[in-house]
C-alpha atoms as a PDB file:
ATOM      1  CA  MET A   1       0.801 109.377  70.081  1.00  0.00           C
ATOM      2  CA  GLU A   2       1.207 112.810  68.480  1.00  0.00           C
ATOM      3  CA  LYS A   3       3.782 113.819  71.103  1.00  0.00           C
ATOM      4  CA  GLY A   4       5.599 110.512  70.654  1.00  0.00           C
ATOM      5  CA  GLU A   5       5.634 110.918  66.887  1.00  0.00           C
ATOM      6  CA  LYS A   6       7.016 114.452  67.142  1.00  0.00           C
ATOM      7  CA  TRP A   7       9.710 113.383  69.623  1.00  0.00           C
ATOM      8  CA  MET A   8      10.789 110.411  67.499  1.00  0.00           C
ATOM      9  CA  LYS A   9      10.953 112.508  64.337  1.00  0.00           C
ATOM     10  CA  ASP A  10      13.003 115.229  66.033  1.00  0.00           C
ATOM     11  CA  THR A  11      15.362 112.676  67.582  1.00  0.00           C
ATOM     12  CA  SER A  12      15.740 110.765  64.335  1.00  0.00           C
ATOM     13  CA  THR A  13      16.466 113.946  62.370  1.00  0.00           C
ATOM     14  CA  SER A  14      19.198 115.074  64.768  1.00  0.00           C
ATOM     15  CA  CYS A  15      20.855 111.664  64.976  1.00  0.00           C
ATOM     16  CA  MET A  16      20.587 111.164  61.216  1.00  0.00           C
ATOM     17  CA  VAL A  17      22.514 114.392  60.596  1.00  0.00           C
ATOM     18  CA  VAL A  18      25.301 113.255  62.941  1.00  0.00           C
ATOM     19  CA  ALA A  19      25.450 109.802  61.338  1.00  0.00           C
ATOM     20  CA  ALA A  20      25.582 111.335  57.848  1.00  0.00           C
ATOM     21  CA  LEU A  21      28.493 113.570  58.891  1.00  0.00           C
ATOM     22  CA  ILE A  22      30.378 110.568  60.279  1.00  0.00           C
ATOM     23  CA  ALA A  23      29.750 108.628  57.056  1.00  0.00           C
ATOM     24  CA  THR A  24      31.095 111.555  55.019  1.00  0.00           C
ATOM     25  CA  VAL A  25      34.244 111.830  57.137  1.00  0.00           C
ATOM     26  CA  ALA A  26      34.819 108.064  57.084  1.00  0.00           C
ATOM     27  CA  PHE A  27      34.483 107.944  53.295  1.00  0.00           C
ATOM     28  CA  ALA A  28      36.872 110.862  52.874  1.00  0.00           C
ATOM     29  CA  ALA A  29      39.405 109.249  55.222  1.00  0.00           C
ATOM     30  CA  ALA A  30      39.289 106.019  53.209  1.00  0.00           C
ATOM     31  CA  ILE A  31      40.252 107.916  50.043  1.00  0.00           C
ATOM     32  CA  ALA A  32      42.849 110.290  51.516  1.00  0.00           C
ATOM     33  CA  VAL A  33      44.763 107.741  53.604  1.00  0.00           C
ATOM     34  CA  PRO A  34      47.353 108.990  56.135  1.00  0.00           C
ATOM     35  CA  GLY A  35      50.818 109.400  54.657  1.00  0.00           C
ATOM     36  CA  GLY A  36      49.604 109.544  51.072  1.00  0.00           C
ATOM     37  CA  ASN A  37      50.432 107.131  48.265  1.00  0.00           C
ATOM     38  CA  ILE A  38      53.700 105.692  46.983  1.00  0.00           C
ATOM     39  CA  SER A  39      55.209 107.300  43.905  1.00  0.00           C
ATOM     40  CA  ASP A  40      56.486 105.072  41.089  1.00  0.00           C
ATOM     41  CA  GLY A  41      59.488 107.283  40.393  1.00  0.00           C
ATOM     42  CA  SER A  42      57.730 109.742  38.135  1.00  0.00           C
ATOM     43  CA  SER A  43      55.195 112.404  38.887  1.00  0.00           C
ATOM     44  CA  LYS A  44      52.439 109.778  39.061  1.00  0.00           C
ATOM     45  CA  LYS A  45      51.438 107.678  42.064  1.00  0.00           C
ATOM     46  CA  ASN A  46      50.622 103.975  41.881  1.00  0.00           C
ATOM     47  CA  GLY A  47      47.820 104.172  44.457  1.00  0.00           C
ATOM     48  CA  LEU A  48      49.446 102.064  47.213  1.00  0.00           C
ATOM     49  CA  PRO A  49      49.488 103.725  50.649  1.00  0.00           C
ATOM     50  CA  VAL A  50      52.839 104.593  52.198  1.00  0.00           C
ATOM     51  CA  PHE A  51      52.004 102.824  55.475  1.00  0.00           C
ATOM     52  CA  LEU A  52      50.473  99.753  53.837  1.00  0.00           C
ATOM     53  CA  ASN A  53      52.889  97.326  55.535  1.00  0.00           C
ATOM     54  CA  LYS A  54      52.335  98.713  59.024  1.00  0.00           C
ATOM     55  CA  ASP A  55      49.953  96.929  61.396  1.00  0.00           C
ATOM     56  CA  LEU A  56      48.605 100.226  62.677  1.00  0.00           C
ATOM     57  CA  PHE A  57      47.482 101.157  59.166  1.00  0.00           C
ATOM     58  CA  MET A  58      45.399  97.997  58.951  1.00  0.00           C
ATOM     59  CA  PHE A  59      43.906  98.932  62.318  1.00  0.00           C
ATOM     60  CA  PHE A  60      43.050 102.339  60.854  1.00  0.00           C
ATOM     61  CA  ALA A  61      41.490 100.790  57.736  1.00  0.00           C
ATOM     62  CA  ILE A  62      39.322  98.350  59.717  1.00  0.00           C
ATOM     63  CA  ALA A  63      38.127 101.060  62.116  1.00  0.00           C
ATOM     64  CA  ASP A  64      37.335 103.419  59.246  1.00  0.00           C
ATOM     65  CA  ALA A  65      35.391 100.748  57.353  1.00  0.00           C
ATOM     66  CA  LEU A  66      33.459  99.876  60.508  1.00  0.00           C
ATOM     67  CA  ALA A  67      32.651 103.558  61.053  1.00  0.00           C
ATOM     68  CA  LEU A  68      31.378 103.921  57.482  1.00  0.00           C
ATOM     69  CA  VAL A  69      29.199 100.802  57.585  1.00  0.00           C
ATOM     70  CA  SER A  70      27.746 101.496  61.037  1.00  0.00           C
ATOM     71  CA  SER A  71      27.020 105.158  60.261  1.00  0.00           C
ATOM     72  CA  ILE A  72      25.184 104.269  57.047  1.00  0.00           C
ATOM     73  CA  THR A  73      23.221 101.628  58.960  1.00  0.00           C
ATOM     74  CA  SER A  74      22.342 104.263  61.542  1.00  0.00           C
ATOM     75  CA  VAL A  75      21.153 106.655  58.838  1.00  0.00           C
ATOM     76  CA  LEU A  76      18.921 103.948  57.363  1.00  0.00           C
ATOM     77  CA  MET A  77      17.425 103.093  60.763  1.00  0.00           C
ATOM     78  CA  PHE A  78      16.638 106.712  61.602  1.00  0.00           C
ATOM     79  CA  LEU A  79      15.227 107.211  58.109  1.00  0.00           C
ATOM     80  CA  ALA A  80      12.969 104.204  58.689  1.00  0.00           C
ATOM     81  CA  VAL A  81      11.783 105.766  61.960  1.00  0.00           C
ATOM     82  CA  PHE A  82      11.175 109.088  60.238  1.00  0.00           C
ATOM     83  CA  THR A  83       9.109 107.554  57.426  1.00  0.00           C
ATOM     84  CA  SER A  84       7.110 105.143  59.582  1.00  0.00           C
ATOM     85  CA  ARG A  85       3.314 105.201  59.574  1.00  0.00           C
ATOM     86  CA  TYR A  86       3.159 105.653  63.415  1.00  0.00           C
ATOM     87  CA  SER A  87       0.219 103.371  64.126  1.00  0.00           C
ATOM     88  CA  GLU A  88      -0.623 102.079  67.601  1.00  0.00           C
ATOM     89  CA  GLU A  89       1.161  98.763  67.043  1.00  0.00           C
ATOM     90  CA  ASP A  90       4.336 100.458  65.822  1.00  0.00           C
ATOM     91  CA  PHE A  91       4.836 102.237  69.134  1.00  0.00           C
ATOM     92  CA  LEU A  92       4.981  98.912  70.998  1.00  0.00           C
ATOM     93  CA  LYS A  93       7.897  97.273  69.201  1.00  0.00           C
ATOM     94  CA  ALA A  94       8.667  98.340  65.619  1.00  0.00           C
ATOM     95  CA  LEU A  95       9.597 101.970  66.304  1.00  0.00           C
ATOM     96  CA  PRO A  96      11.574 101.305  69.515  1.00  0.00           C
ATOM     97  CA  GLN A  97      13.521  98.523  67.786  1.00  0.00           C
ATOM     98  CA  LYS A  98      14.526 100.823  64.938  1.00  0.00           C
ATOM     99  CA  LEU A  99      15.506 103.563  67.366  1.00  0.00           C
ATOM    100  CA  ILE A 100      17.545 101.115  69.474  1.00  0.00           C
ATOM    101  CA  ILE A 101      19.457  99.852  66.434  1.00  0.00           C
ATOM    102  CA  GLY A 102      19.989 103.417  65.234  1.00  0.00           C
ATOM    103  CA  LEU A 103      21.413 104.590  68.567  1.00  0.00           C
ATOM    104  CA  ALA A 104      23.630 101.504  68.921  1.00  0.00           C
ATOM    105  CA  THR A 105      25.102 101.840  65.437  1.00  0.00           C
ATOM    106  CA  LEU A 106      25.541 105.584  65.909  1.00  0.00           C
ATOM    107  CA  PHE A 107      27.538 104.956  69.083  1.00  0.00           C
ATOM    108  CA  LEU A 108      29.599 102.316  67.256  1.00  0.00           C
ATOM    109  CA  SER A 109      30.289 104.681  64.360  1.00  0.00           C
ATOM    110  CA  MET A 110      31.418 107.464  66.705  1.00  0.00           C
ATOM    111  CA  ALA A 111      33.756 105.107  68.558  1.00  0.00           C
ATOM    112  CA  SER A 112      35.149 103.677  65.312  1.00  0.00           C
ATOM    113  CA  ILE A 113      35.810 107.049  63.673  1.00  0.00           C
ATOM    114  CA  LEU A 114      37.681 108.227  66.769  1.00  0.00           C
ATOM    115  CA  VAL A 115      39.725 105.015  66.805  1.00  0.00           C
ATOM    116  CA  SER A 116      40.638 105.495  63.143  1.00  0.00           C
ATOM    117  CA  PHE A 117      41.557 109.126  63.841  1.00  0.00           C
ATOM    118  CA  GLY A 118      43.821 108.071  66.694  1.00  0.00           C
ATOM    119  CA  ALA A 119      45.488 105.413  64.546  1.00  0.00           C
ATOM    120  CA  ALA A 120      46.101 107.888  61.715  1.00  0.00           C
ATOM    121  CA  PHE A 121      47.477 110.498  64.114  1.00  0.00           C
ATOM    122  CA  ILE A 122      49.881 107.987  65.670  1.00  0.00           C
ATOM    123  CA  LEU A 123      51.023 106.824  62.220  1.00  0.00           C
ATOM    124  CA  ILE A 124      51.954 110.373  61.241  1.00  0.00           C
ATOM    125  CA  LEU A 125      53.433 111.705  64.490  1.00  0.00           C
ATOM    126  CA  GLY A 126      54.069 108.601  66.580  1.00  0.00           C
ATOM    127  CA  GLN A 127      57.737 108.184  65.599  1.00  0.00           C
ATOM    128  CA  ARG A 128      58.657 111.708  66.670  1.00  0.00           C
ATOM    129  CA  PHE A 129      56.235 112.237  69.552  1.00  0.00           C
ATOM    130  CA  HIS A 130      55.988 109.002  71.530  1.00  0.00           C
ATOM    131  CA  TRP A 131      53.576 110.522  74.012  1.00  0.00           C
ATOM    132  CA  ALA A 132      51.076 111.149  71.208  1.00  0.00           C
ATOM    133  CA  SER A 133      49.603 107.636  71.433  1.00  0.00           C
ATOM    134  CA  ILE A 134      48.735 108.039  75.116  1.00  0.00           C
ATOM    135  CA  ALA A 135      47.345 111.563  74.717  1.00  0.00           C
ATOM    136  CA  ILE A 136      45.252 110.708  71.673  1.00  0.00           C
ATOM    137  CA  SER A 137      43.891 107.546  73.292  1.00  0.00           C
ATOM    138  CA  LEU A 138      42.760 109.461  76.361  1.00  0.00           C
ATOM    139  CA  LEU A 139      41.282 112.357  74.408  1.00  0.00           C
ATOM    140  CA  SER A 140      39.436 110.054  72.000  1.00  0.00           C
ATOM    141  CA  CYS A 141      37.627 108.393  74.881  1.00  0.00           C
ATOM    142  CA  VAL A 142      36.048 111.649  76.066  1.00  0.00           C
ATOM    143  CA  PRO A 143      33.427 112.150  73.277  1.00  0.00           C
ATOM    144  CA  VAL A 144      32.495 108.462  73.285  1.00  0.00           C
ATOM    145  CA  LEU A 145      32.050 108.389  77.063  1.00  0.00           C
ATOM    146  CA  LEU A 146      30.107 111.655  76.969  1.00  0.00           C
ATOM    147  CA  PHE A 147      27.742 110.357  74.297  1.00  0.00           C
ATOM    148  CA  GLY A 148      27.285 107.103  76.196  1.00  0.00           C
ATOM    149  CA  PHE A 149      26.639 108.945  79.464  1.00  0.00           C
ATOM    150  CA  LEU A 150      24.000 111.173  77.853  1.00  0.00           C
ATOM    151  CA  GLN A 151      22.211 108.542  75.756  1.00  0.00           C
ATOM    152  CA  PHE A 152      22.652 105.385  77.858  1.00  0.00           C
ATOM    153  CA  PRO A 153      19.613 105.998  80.135  1.00  0.00           C
ATOM    154  CA  LEU A 154      17.350 106.406  77.105  1.00  0.00           C
ATOM    155  CA  PHE A 155      18.861 103.323  75.474  1.00  0.00           C
ATOM    156  CA  VAL A 156      18.375 101.174  78.581  1.00  0.00           C
ATOM    157  CA  GLU A 157      14.806 102.371  79.069  1.00  0.00           C
ATOM    158  CA  MET A 158      13.864 101.590  75.486  1.00  0.00           C
ATOM    159  CA  VAL A 159      15.506  98.153  75.582  1.00  0.00           C
ATOM    160  CA  SER A 160      13.832  97.222  78.862  1.00  0.00           C
ATOM    161  CA  SER A 161      10.382  98.435  77.791  1.00  0.00           C
ATOM    162  CA  THR A 162      10.635  96.749  74.382  1.00  0.00           C
ATOM    163  CA  TYR A 163      12.243  93.379  75.148  1.00  0.00           C
ATOM    164  CA  TRP A 164      11.705  92.774  78.869  1.00  0.00           C
ATOM    165  CA  PRO A 165       7.925  92.072  78.583  1.00  0.00           C
ATOM    166  CA  THR A 166       8.651  89.646  75.737  1.00  0.00           C
ATOM    167  CA  ILE A 167      11.230  87.811  77.843  1.00  0.00           C
ATOM    168  CA  LEU A 168       8.726  87.507  80.694  1.00  0.00           C
ATOM    169  CA  GLY A 169       6.063  86.314  78.270  1.00  0.00           C
ATOM    170  CA  LYS A 170       3.652  89.193  78.812  1.00  0.00           C
ATOM    171  CA  GLN A 171       3.143  92.725  77.581  1.00  0.00           C
ATOM    172  CA  ASP A 172       2.487  95.666  79.880  1.00  0.00           C
ATOM    173  CA  TYR A 173      -0.500  97.673  78.645  1.00  0.00           C
ATOM    174  CA  SER A 174      -0.757  99.877  81.718  1.00  0.00           C
ATOM    175  CA  ILE A 175       0.810 102.828  79.877  1.00  0.00           C
ATOM    176  CA  PHE A 176      -2.395 103.197  77.872  1.00  0.00           C
ATOM    177  CA  GLU A 177      -4.672 103.107  80.925  1.00  0.00           C
ATOM    178  CA  THR A 178      -3.477 106.534  82.048  1.00  0.00           C
ATOM    179  CA  TYR A 179      -4.858 108.178  78.927  1.00  0.00           C
ATOM    180  CA  PHE A 180      -7.706 105.816  77.986  1.00  0.00           C
ATOM    181  CA  PRO A 181      -8.930 104.050  81.153  1.00  0.00           C
ATOM    182  CA  LYS A 182     -12.127 102.724  79.557  1.00  0.00           C
ATOM    183  CA  GLN A 183     -10.394 100.834  76.772  1.00  0.00           C
ATOM    184  CA  ASN A 184      -9.392  97.179  76.979  1.00  0.00           C
ATOM    185  CA  TRP A 185      -6.072  97.720  75.240  1.00  0.00           C
ATOM    186  CA  LYS A 186      -4.889  94.143  75.497  1.00  0.00           C
ATOM    187  CA  ALA A 187      -7.921  92.784  73.646  1.00  0.00           C
ATOM    188  CA  LEU A 188      -7.890  95.681  71.158  1.00  0.00           C
ATOM    189  CA  LEU A 189      -4.225  95.333  70.199  1.00  0.00           C
ATOM    190  CA  GLU A 190      -4.355  91.564  70.041  1.00  0.00           C
ATOM    191  CA  SER A 191      -7.378  91.722  67.742  1.00  0.00           C
ATOM    192  CA  ARG A 192      -5.611  94.246  65.491  1.00  0.00           C
ATOM    193  CA  GLN A 193      -2.478  92.103  65.367  1.00  0.00           C
ATOM    194  CA  GLY A 194      -4.619  89.110  64.386  1.00  0.00           C
ATOM    195  CA  ALA A 195      -6.307  91.170  61.698  1.00  0.00           C
ATOM    196  CA  LEU A 196      -2.959  92.303  60.366  1.00  0.00           C
ATOM    197  CA  GLN A 197      -1.720  88.742  60.144  1.00  0.00           C
ATOM    198  CA  LYS A 198      -4.846  87.754  58.222  1.00  0.00           C
ATOM    199  CA  GLY A 199      -4.506  90.753  55.885  1.00  0.00           C
ATOM    200  CA  GLU A 200      -7.785  92.331  56.908  1.00  0.00           C
ATOM    201  CA  LEU A 201      -6.201  95.730  57.797  1.00  0.00           C
END
């Protein structure tokens, strides 16, 4: 349990930093839109984006908003993992669920921020460099695929160990037998869950 707590805290801290950086970039991109704002004839600007009527700008705005929301959700999930009490019951479902949601939203935020970057880049340079859309689309896929390739095995393992026993209608307690062979973990955990429901613990 101590090793699991240390690993989860280290993982949550690293992923939370990445999610916070993505949220910062997404918020900044929403304020400083590509192309700038329309001027009303004087030195002042009326606040409307130059590319407001273009479909690609709406694509950029939606992707940027999705990146901001998903990254903040990821930060909250990893913060919940970091501040958890780390009891025996939490390691079975509560902590893995939070980590699964955090990794999924982090992946979504990374994909969305790269999509918004590609849309903004095409808006600015697409009319002069027509090959920019193809190059940016291919290059934007590399970090997302790399992150998915590195984190997908962990994600699948956590999903299968957390939800697969519930789907089958039984929970596998054999992981505890390796460390504590004399304990009846099924009876112990079920009794603690019943006590928690009754408010005795």
